[in-house]
Amino acid sequence: RLEKEKCEKHAHKPDQQKNLGTVGAVALDSKGNVAYATSTG
């Protein structure tokens, strides 16, 4: 992916659509507390 991106960057402006990857979670527990976590490269 990095090689491809470097080639495409030389050719034209990269598309921000490609760069959207993250992982995350939200939760509600039995006591009524909520939380979130998010992580990415």
All heavy atoms as atom14 arrays in JSON, in Angstrom:
{
  "sequence": "RLEKEKCEKHAHKPDQQKNLGTVGAVALDSKGNVAYATSTG",
  "atom14_mask": [
    [1, 1, 1, 1, 1, 1, 1, 1, 1, 1, 1, 0, 0, 0],
    [1, 1, 1, 1, 1, 1, 1, 1, 0, 0, 0, 0, 0, 0],
    [1, 1, 1, 1, 1, 1, 1, 1, 1, 0, 0, 0, 0, 0],
    [1, 1, 1, 1, 1, 1, 1, 1, 1, 0, 0, 0, 0, 0],
    [1, 1, 1, 1, 1, 1, 1, 1, 1, 0, 0, 0, 0, 0],
    [1, 1, 1, 1, 1, 1, 1, 1, 1, 0, 0, 0, 0, 0],
    [1, 1, 1, 1, 1, 1, 0, 0, 0, 0, 0, 0, 0, 0],
    [1, 1, 1, 1, 1, 1, 1, 1, 1, 0, 0, 0, 0, 0],
    [1, 1, 1, 1, 1, 1, 1, 1, 1, 0, 0, 0, 0, 0],
    [1, 1, 1, 1, 1, 1, 1, 1, 1, 1, 0, 0, 0, 0],
    [1, 1, 1, 1, 1, 0, 0, 0, 0, 0, 0, 0, 0, 0],
    [1, 1, 1, 1, 1, 1, 1, 1, 1, 1, 0, 0, 0, 0],
    [1, 1, 1, 1, 1, 1, 1, 1, 1, 0, 0, 0, 0, 0],
    [1, 1, 1, 1, 1, 1, 1, 0, 0, 0, 0, 0, 0, 0],
    [1, 1, 1, 1, 1, 1, 1, 1, 0, 0, 0, 0, 0, 0],
    [1, 1, 1, 1, 1, 1, 1, 1, 1, 0, 0, 0, 0, 0],
    [1, 1, 1, 1, 1, 1, 1, 1, 1, 0, 0, 0, 0, 0],
    [1, 1, 1, 1, 1, 1, 1, 1, 1, 0, 0, 0, 0, 0],
    [1, 1, 1, 1, 1, 1, 1, 1, 0, 0, 0, 0, 0, 0],
    [1, 1, 1, 1, 1, 1, 1, 1, 0, 0, 0, 0, 0, 0],
    [1, 1, 1, 1, 0, 0, 0, 0, 0, 0, 0, 0, 0, 0],
    [1, 1, 1, 1, 1, 1, 1, 0, 0, 0, 0, 0, 0, 0],
    [1, 1, 1, 1, 1, 1, 1, 0, 0, 0, 0, 0, 0, 0],
    [1, 1, 1, 1, 0, 0, 0, 0, 0, 0, 0, 0, 0, 0],
    [1, 1, 1, 1, 1, 0, 0, 0, 0, 0, 0, 0, 0, 0],
    [1, 1, 1, 1, 1, 1, 1, 0, 0, 0, 0, 0, 0, 0],
    [1, 1, 1, 1, 1, 0, 0, 0, 0, 0, 0, 0, 0, 0],
    [1, 1, 1, 1, 1, 1, 1, 1, 0, 0, 0, 0, 0, 0],
    [1, 1, 1, 1, 1, 1, 1, 1, 0, 0, 0, 0, 0, 0],
    [1, 1, 1, 1, 1, 1, 0, 0, 0, 0, 0, 0, 0, 0],
    [1, 1, 1, 1, 1, 1, 1, 1, 1, 0, 0, 0, 0, 0],
    [1, 1, 1, 1, 0, 0, 0, 0, 0, 0, 0, 0, 0, 0],
    [1, 1, 1, 1, 1, 1, 1, 1, 0, 0, 0, 0, 0, 0],
    [1, 1, 1, 1, 1, 1, 1, 0, 0, 0, 0, 0, 0, 0],
    [1, 1, 1, 1, 1, 0, 0, 0, 0, 0, 0, 0, 0, 0],
    [1, 1, 1, 1, 1, 1, 1, 1, 1, 1, 1, 1, 0, 0],
    [1, 1, 1, 1, 1, 0, 0, 0, 0, 0, 0, 0, 0, 0],
    [1, 1, 1, 1, 1, 1, 1, 0, 0, 0, 0, 0, 0, 0],
    [1, 1, 1, 1, 1, 1, 0, 0, 0, 0, 0, 0, 0, 0],
    [1, 1, 1, 1, 1, 1, 1, 0, 0, 0, 0, 0, 0, 0],
    [1, 1, 1, 1, 0, 0, 0, 0, 0, 0, 0, 0, 0, 0]
  ],
  "atom14_positions": [
    [[0.83, -1.21, 0.0], [0.0, 0.0, 0.0], [0.87, 1.26, 0.0], [0.54, 2.24, -0.65], [-0.9, 0.01, 1.25], [-2.16, -0.79, 1.1], [-3.01, -0.73, 2.35], [-3.78, 0.5, 2.44], [-4.55, 0.8, 3.49], [-4.64, -0.03, 4.49], [-5.22, 1.93, 3.5], [0.0, 0.0, 0.0], [0.0, 0.0, 0.0], [0.0, 0.0, 0.0]],
    [[1.95, 1.22, 0.77], [2.84, 2.39, 0.83], [3.49, 2.63, -0.54], [3.53, 3.77, -1.02], [3.91, 2.19, 1.91], [4.92, 3.34, 2.04], [4.22, 4.63, 2.47], [6.02, 2.98, 3.03], [0.0, 0.0, 0.0], [0.0, 0.0, 0.0], [0.0, 0.0, 0.0], [0.0, 0.0, 0.0], [0.0, 0.0, 0.0], [0.0, 0.0, 0.0]],
    [[3.96, 1.55, -1.16], [4.58, 1.68, -2.5], [3.58, 2.27, -3.49], [3.9, 3.18, -4.26], [5.04, 0.3, -3.01], [6.32, -0.19, -2.36], [6.58, -1.67, -2.68], [6.12, -2.14, -3.75], [7.24, -2.34, -1.87], [0.0, 0.0, 0.0], [0.0, 0.0, 0.0], [0.0, 0.0, 0.0], [0.0, 0.0, 0.0], [0.0, 0.0, 0.0]],
    [[2.35, 1.74, -3.46], [1.3, 2.2, -4.37], [0.99, 3.68, -4.14], [0.86, 4.47, -5.07], [0.05, 1.34, -4.16], [-1.08, 1.6, -5.13], [-2.12, 0.46, -5.05], [-3.27, 0.7, -6.0], [-4.42, 1.35, -5.4], [0.0, 0.0, 0.0], [0.0, 0.0, 0.0], [0.0, 0.0, 0.0], [0.0, 0.0, 0.0], [0.0, 0.0, 0.0]],
    [[0.9, 4.05, -2.87], [0.57, 5.44, -2.51], [1.66, 6.4, -2.97], [1.38, 7.49, -3.47], [0.38, 5.53, -0.99], [-0.1, 6.87, -0.5], [-1.53, 7.22, -0.91], [-2.29, 6.31, -1.27], [-1.86, 8.41, -0.87], [0.0, 0.0, 0.0], [0.0, 0.0, 0.0], [0.0, 0.0, 0.0], [0.0, 0.0, 0.0], [0.0, 0.0, 0.0]],
    [[2.91, 5.98, -2.82], [4.03, 6.85, -3.24], [4.0, 7.05, -4.75], [4.23, 8.15, -5.24], [5.37, 6.24, -2.8], [5.6, 6.4, -1.3], [7.0, 5.96, -0.9], [7.18, 6.04, 0.6], [8.27, 6.82, 1.08], [0.0, 0.0, 0.0], [0.0, 0.0, 0.0], [0.0, 0.0, 0.0], [0.0, 0.0, 0.0], [0.0, 0.0, 0.0]],
    [[3.69, 5.98, -5.49], [3.59, 6.08, -6.95], [2.44, 7.01, -7.35], [2.6, 7.87, -8.21], [3.34, 4.7, -7.58], [4.75, 3.6, -7.42], [0.0, 0.0, 0.0], [0.0, 0.0, 0.0], [0.0, 0.0, 0.0], [0.0, 0.0, 0.0], [0.0, 0.0, 0.0], [0.0, 0.0, 0.0], [0.0, 0.0, 0.0], [0.0, 0.0, 0.0]],
    [[1.3, 6.83, -6.69], [0.12, 7.64, -7.04], [0.3, 9.1, -6.64], [-0.19, 10.0, -7.3], [-1.13, 7.07, -6.35], [-1.6, 5.78, -7.0], [-2.82, 5.19, -6.33], [-3.4, 5.85, -5.45], [-3.19, 4.06, -6.71], [0.0, 0.0, 0.0], [0.0, 0.0, 0.0], [0.0, 0.0, 0.0], [0.0, 0.0, 0.0], [0.0, 0.0, 0.0]],
    [[1.04, 9.32, -5.57], [1.26, 10.69, -5.11], [2.06, 11.47, -6.15], [1.85, 12.66, -6.37], [2.0, 10.69, -3.77], [1.92, 12.03, -3.07], [2.49, 11.97, -1.68], [2.41, 13.35, -1.04], [3.04, 13.43, 0.26], [0.0, 0.0, 0.0], [0.0, 0.0, 0.0], [0.0, 0.0, 0.0], [0.0, 0.0, 0.0], [0.0, 0.0, 0.0]],
    [[2.98, 10.78, -6.8], [3.76, 11.43, -7.85], [2.88, 11.74, -9.06], [3.09, 12.7, -9.78], [4.94, 10.56, -8.27], [6.01, 10.47, -7.21], [6.6, 11.6, -6.66], [6.58, 9.42, -6.58], [7.49, 11.23, -5.74], [7.49, 9.91, -5.67], [0.0, 0.0, 0.0], [0.0, 0.0, 0.0], [0.0, 0.0, 0.0], [0.0, 0.0, 0.0]],
    [[1.86, 10.9, -9.25], [1.0, 11.04, -10.43], [-0.07, 12.11, -10.23], [-0.33, 12.91, -11.11], [0.35, 9.7, -10.77], [0.0, 0.0, 0.0], [0.0, 0.0, 0.0], [0.0, 0.0, 0.0], [0.0, 0.0, 0.0], [0.0, 0.0, 0.0], [0.0, 0.0, 0.0], [0.0, 0.0, 0.0], [0.0, 0.0, 0.0], [0.0, 0.0, 0.0]],
    [[-0.71, 12.11, -9.07], [-1.77, 13.11, -8.81], [-2.03, 13.21, -7.31], [-1.47, 12.47, -6.52], [-3.07, 12.71, -9.52], [-3.62, 11.38, -9.08], [-4.39, 11.24, -7.97], [-3.45, 10.13, -9.59], [-4.71, 9.96, -7.81], [-4.14, 9.27, -8.76], [0.0, 0.0, 0.0], [0.0, 0.0, 0.0], [0.0, 0.0, 0.0], [0.0, 0.0, 0.0]],
    [[-2.89, 14.14, -6.95], [-3.2, 14.35, -5.52], [-3.87, 13.11, -4.94], [-4.83, 12.6, -5.5], [-4.14, 15.55, -5.39], [-4.26, 16.03, -3.97], [-5.12, 17.28, -3.91], [-5.3, 17.68, -2.45], [-6.54, 18.32, -2.19], [0.0, 0.0, 0.0], [0.0, 0.0, 0.0], [0.0, 0.0, 0.0], [0.0, 0.0, 0.0], [0.0, 0.0, 0.0]],
    [[-3.38, 12.6, -3.81], [-3.99, 11.41, -3.24], [-5.44, 11.68, -2.8], [-5.79, 12.79, -2.44], [-3.13, 11.1, -2.01], [-2.06, 12.12, -1.95], [-2.28, 13.14, -3.02], [0.0, 0.0, 0.0], [0.0, 0.0, 0.0], [0.0, 0.0, 0.0], [0.0, 0.0, 0.0], [0.0, 0.0, 0.0], [0.0, 0.0, 0.0], [0.0, 0.0, 0.0]],
    [[-6.22, 10.64, -2.85], [-7.64, 10.72, -2.51], [-7.82, 10.47, -1.02], [-7.45, 9.41, -0.52], [-8.35, 9.63, -3.34], [-9.82, 9.52, -3.0], [-10.33, 10.4, -2.29], [-10.44, 8.54, -3.46], [0.0, 0.0, 0.0], [0.0, 0.0, 0.0], [0.0, 0.0, 0.0], [0.0, 0.0, 0.0], [0.0, 0.0, 0.0], [0.0, 0.0, 0.0]],
    [[-8.4, 11.43, -0.29], [-8.55, 11.26, 1.16], [-9.49, 10.1, 1.49], [-9.48, 9.58, 2.59], [-9.05, 12.54, 1.83], [-10.36, 13.06, 1.3], [-11.14, 13.84, 2.36], [-11.91, 13.28, 3.11], [-10.96, 15.12, 2.42], [0.0, 0.0, 0.0], [0.0, 0.0, 0.0], [0.0, 0.0, 0.0], [0.0, 0.0, 0.0], [0.0, 0.0, 0.0]],
    [[-10.3, 9.67, 0.52], [-11.2, 8.53, 0.74], [-10.43, 7.29, 1.18], [-10.96, 6.44, 1.88], [-11.93, 8.2, -0.57], [-13.38, 8.58, -0.6], [-14.28, 7.51, 0.02], [-14.19, 7.21, 1.19], [-15.17, 6.96, -0.77], [0.0, 0.0, 0.0], [0.0, 0.0, 0.0], [0.0, 0.0, 0.0], [0.0, 0.0, 0.0], [0.0, 0.0, 0.0]],
    [[-9.18, 7.16, 0.73], [-8.43, 5.95, 1.05], [-8.0, 5.91, 2.51], [-7.71, 4.87, 3.04], [-7.13, 5.92, 0.23], [-7.33, 5.6, -1.2], [-5.95, 5.48, -1.8], [-6.01, 5.95, -3.22], [-4.76, 6.48, -3.65], [0.0, 0.0, 0.0], [0.0, 0.0, 0.0], [0.0, 0.0, 0.0], [0.0, 0.0, 0.0], [0.0, 0.0, 0.0]],
    [[-7.87, 7.08, 3.1], [-7.23, 7.16, 4.41], [-8.23, 7.3, 5.54], [-8.3, 8.32, 6.2], [-6.26, 8.35, 4.41], [-5.09, 8.09, 3.47], [-4.59, 6.98, 3.42], [-4.67, 9.1, 2.74], [0.0, 0.0, 0.0], [0.0, 0.0, 0.0], [0.0, 0.0, 0.0], [0.0, 0.0, 0.0], [0.0, 0.0, 0.0], [0.0, 0.0, 0.0]],
    [[-9.01, 6.27, 5.74], [-10.09, 6.38, 6.71], [-10.04, 5.31, 7.8], [-10.92, 5.24, 8.62], [-11.44, 6.28, 5.98], [-11.69, 7.28, 4.86], [-13.01, 6.98, 4.17], [-11.68, 8.7, 5.37], [0.0, 0.0, 0.0], [0.0, 0.0, 0.0], [0.0, 0.0, 0.0], [0.0, 0.0, 0.0], [0.0, 0.0, 0.0], [0.0, 0.0, 0.0]],
    [[-9.02, 4.5, 7.82], [-9.02, 3.33, 8.71], [-8.7, 3.64, 10.15], [-7.72, 4.28, 10.47], [0.0, 0.0, 0.0], [0.0, 0.0, 0.0], [0.0, 0.0, 0.0], [0.0, 0.0, 0.0], [0.0, 0.0, 0.0], [0.0, 0.0, 0.0], [0.0, 0.0, 0.0], [0.0, 0.0, 0.0], [0.0, 0.0, 0.0], [0.0, 0.0, 0.0]],
    [[-9.55, 3.18, 11.02], [-9.4, 3.31, 12.48], [-10.19, 2.14, 13.04], [-11.01, 1.57, 12.33], [-10.1, 4.62, 12.98], [-9.78, 5.68, 12.11], [-9.69, 4.98, 14.38], [0.0, 0.0, 0.0], [0.0, 0.0, 0.0], [0.0, 0.0, 0.0], [0.0, 0.0, 0.0], [0.0, 0.0, 0.0], [0.0, 0.0, 0.0], [0.0, 0.0, 0.0]],
    [[-9.98, 1.8, 14.3], [-10.9, 0.86, 14.95], [-11.41, 1.52, 16.22], [-10.74, 2.38, 16.8], [-10.25, -0.5, 15.28], [-9.66, -1.13, 14.02], [-9.19, -0.38, 16.38], [0.0, 0.0, 0.0], [0.0, 0.0, 0.0], [0.0, 0.0, 0.0], [0.0, 0.0, 0.0], [0.0, 0.0, 0.0], [0.0, 0.0, 0.0], [0.0, 0.0, 0.0]],
    [[-12.61, 1.14, 16.63], [-13.15, 1.76, 17.84], [-14.28, 0.96, 18.44], [-14.83, 0.05, 17.81], [0.0, 0.0, 0.0], [0.0, 0.0, 0.0], [0.0, 0.0, 0.0], [0.0, 0.0, 0.0], [0.0, 0.0, 0.0], [0.0, 0.0, 0.0], [0.0, 0.0, 0.0], [0.0, 0.0, 0.0], [0.0, 0.0, 0.0], [0.0, 0.0, 0.0]],
    [[-14.61, 1.31, 19.68], [-15.71, 0.64, 20.38], [-16.34, 1.61, 21.37], [-15.67, 2.5, 21.91], [-15.19, -0.59, 21.14], [0.0, 0.0, 0.0], [0.0, 0.0, 0.0], [0.0, 0.0, 0.0], [0.0, 0.0, 0.0], [0.0, 0.0, 0.0], [0.0, 0.0, 0.0], [0.0, 0.0, 0.0], [0.0, 0.0, 0.0], [0.0, 0.0, 0.0]],
    [[-17.65, 1.43, 21.58], [-18.36, 2.12, 22.66], [-19.16, 1.06, 23.41], [-19.53, 0.04, 22.84], [-19.3, 3.24, 22.14], [-18.5, 4.38, 21.53], [-20.33, 2.7, 21.14], [0.0, 0.0, 0.0], [0.0, 0.0, 0.0], [0.0, 0.0, 0.0], [0.0, 0.0, 0.0], [0.0, 0.0, 0.0], [0.0, 0.0, 0.0], [0.0, 0.0, 0.0]],
    [[-19.41, 1.32, 24.69], [-20.13, 0.31, 25.48], [-20.92, 0.96, 26.6], [-20.59, 2.05, 27.08], [-19.15, -0.71, 26.05], [0.0, 0.0, 0.0], [0.0, 0.0, 0.0], [0.0, 0.0, 0.0], [0.0, 0.0, 0.0], [0.0, 0.0, 0.0], [0.0, 0.0, 0.0], [0.0, 0.0, 0.0], [0.0, 0.0, 0.0], [0.0, 0.0, 0.0]],
    [[-21.97, 0.24, 27.01], [-22.77, 0.56, 28.19], [-22.72, -0.66, 29.09], [-23.01, -1.77, 28.62], [-24.22, 0.86, 27.79], [-25.24, 0.93, 28.93], [-25.09, 2.21, 29.73], [-26.67, 0.82, 28.38], [0.0, 0.0, 0.0], [0.0, 0.0, 0.0], [0.0, 0.0, 0.0], [0.0, 0.0, 0.0], [0.0, 0.0, 0.0], [0.0, 0.0, 0.0]],
    [[-22.34, -0.48, 30.36], [-22.27, -1.64, 31.25], [-23.52, -1.72, 32.15], [-24.4, -0.86, 32.1], [-20.97, -1.65, 32.07], [-20.82, -0.46, 33.03], [-21.86, 0.07, 33.48], [-19.67, -0.08, 33.32], [0.0, 0.0, 0.0], [0.0, 0.0, 0.0], [0.0, 0.0, 0.0], [0.0, 0.0, 0.0], [0.0, 0.0, 0.0], [0.0, 0.0, 0.0]],
    [[-23.57, -2.78, 32.96], [-24.77, -3.05, 33.75], [-25.01, -2.0, 34.85], [-26.09, -1.89, 35.38], [-24.69, -4.45, 34.38], [-23.5, -4.54, 35.15], [0.0, 0.0, 0.0], [0.0, 0.0, 0.0], [0.0, 0.0, 0.0], [0.0, 0.0, 0.0], [0.0, 0.0, 0.0], [0.0, 0.0, 0.0], [0.0, 0.0, 0.0], [0.0, 0.0, 0.0]],
    [[-23.98, -1.21, 35.15], [-24.14, -0.15, 36.15], [-24.55, 1.18, 35.52], [-24.69, 2.18, 36.22], [-22.82, 0.03, 36.92], [-22.49, -1.15, 37.8], [-21.22, -0.92, 38.59], [-20.99, -2.1, 39.54], [-19.58, -2.2, 39.91], [0.0, 0.0, 0.0], [0.0, 0.0, 0.0], [0.0, 0.0, 0.0], [0.0, 0.0, 0.0], [0.0, 0.0, 0.0]],
    [[-24.69, 1.2, 34.2], [-25.12, 2.42, 33.53], [-23.99, 3.34, 33.12], [-24.22, 4.5, 32.75], [0.0, 0.0, 0.0], [0.0, 0.0, 0.0], [0.0, 0.0, 0.0], [0.0, 0.0, 0.0], [0.0, 0.0, 0.0], [0.0, 0.0, 0.0], [0.0, 0.0, 0.0], [0.0, 0.0, 0.0], [0.0, 0.0, 0.0], [0.0, 0.0, 0.0]],
    [[-22.75, 2.83, 33.17], [-21.6, 3.64, 32.72], [-21.32, 3.4, 31.24], [-21.48, 2.27, 30.75], [-20.35, 3.28, 33.53], [-20.51, 3.6, 35.0], [-20.96, 4.69, 35.36], [-20.18, 2.65, 35.86], [0.0, 0.0, 0.0], [0.0, 0.0, 0.0], [0.0, 0.0, 0.0], [0.0, 0.0, 0.0], [0.0, 0.0, 0.0], [0.0, 0.0, 0.0]],
    [[-20.88, 4.45, 30.55], [-20.5, 4.33, 29.15], [-19.01, 4.63, 29.0], [-18.4, 5.28, 29.87], [-21.32, 5.27, 28.22], [-22.79, 4.91, 28.25], [-21.1, 6.74, 28.56], [0.0, 0.0, 0.0], [0.0, 0.0, 0.0], [0.0, 0.0, 0.0], [0.0, 0.0, 0.0], [0.0, 0.0, 0.0], [0.0, 0.0, 0.0], [0.0, 0.0, 0.0]],
    [[-18.43, 4.16, 27.9], [-17.01, 4.4, 27.62], [-16.78, 4.27, 26.13], [-17.59, 3.69, 25.4], [-16.13, 3.38, 28.36], [0.0, 0.0, 0.0], [0.0, 0.0, 0.0], [0.0, 0.0, 0.0], [0.0, 0.0, 0.0], [0.0, 0.0, 0.0], [0.0, 0.0, 0.0], [0.0, 0.0, 0.0], [0.0, 0.0, 0.0], [0.0, 0.0, 0.0]],
    [[-15.66, 4.86, 25.68], [-15.25, 4.66, 24.29], [-13.76, 4.32, 24.26], [-13.01, 4.66, 25.17], [-15.52, 5.91, 23.43], [-14.34, 6.86, 23.31], [-13.31, 6.65, 22.38], [-14.2, 7.97, 24.15], [-12.22, 7.5, 22.29], [-13.12, 8.81, 24.07], [-12.12, 8.58, 23.15], [-11.03, 9.41, 23.07], [0.0, 0.0, 0.0], [0.0, 0.0, 0.0]],
    [[-13.34, 3.68, 23.17], [-11.91, 3.47, 22.87], [-11.75, 3.55, 21.37], [-12.58, 3.02, 20.62], [-11.45, 2.11, 23.39], [0.0, 0.0, 0.0], [0.0, 0.0, 0.0], [0.0, 0.0, 0.0], [0.0, 0.0, 0.0], [0.0, 0.0, 0.0], [0.0, 0.0, 0.0], [0.0, 0.0, 0.0], [0.0, 0.0, 0.0], [0.0, 0.0, 0.0]],
    [[-10.68, 4.22, 20.92], [-10.38, 4.33, 19.49], [-8.88, 4.13, 19.3], [-8.08, 4.6, 20.13], [-10.8, 5.71, 18.93], [-12.13, 6.01, 19.35], [-10.75, 5.74, 17.41], [0.0, 0.0, 0.0], [0.0, 0.0, 0.0], [0.0, 0.0, 0.0], [0.0, 0.0, 0.0], [0.0, 0.0, 0.0], [0.0, 0.0, 0.0], [0.0, 0.0, 0.0]],
    [[-8.48, 3.44, 18.22], [-7.06, 3.16, 17.98], [-6.79, 3.14, 16.48], [-7.65, 2.73, 15.7], [-6.7, 1.8, 18.6], [-5.33, 1.49, 18.43], [0.0, 0.0, 0.0], [0.0, 0.0, 0.0], [0.0, 0.0, 0.0], [0.0, 0.0, 0.0], [0.0, 0.0, 0.0], [0.0, 0.0, 0.0], [0.0, 0.0, 0.0], [0.0, 0.0, 0.0]],
    [[-5.6, 3.58, 16.08], [-5.29, 3.63, 14.64], [-3.79, 3.63, 14.36], [-2.99, 3.97, 15.23], [-5.9, 4.9, 14.0], [-5.79, 4.81, 12.57], [-5.19, 6.16, 14.46], [0.0, 0.0, 0.0], [0.0, 0.0, 0.0], [0.0, 0.0, 0.0], [0.0, 0.0, 0.0], [0.0, 0.0, 0.0], [0.0, 0.0, 0.0], [0.0, 0.0, 0.0]],
    [[-3.47, 3.26, 13.13], [-2.11, 3.42, 12.62], [-1.98, 4.69, 11.8], [-0.91, 5.01, 11.28], [0.0, 0.0, 0.0], [0.0, 0.0, 0.0], [0.0, 0.0, 0.0], [0.0, 0.0, 0.0], [0.0, 0.0, 0.0], [0.0, 0.0, 0.0], [0.0, 0.0, 0.0], [0.0, 0.0, 0.0], [0.0, 0.0, 0.0], [0.0, 0.0, 0.0]]
  ]
}
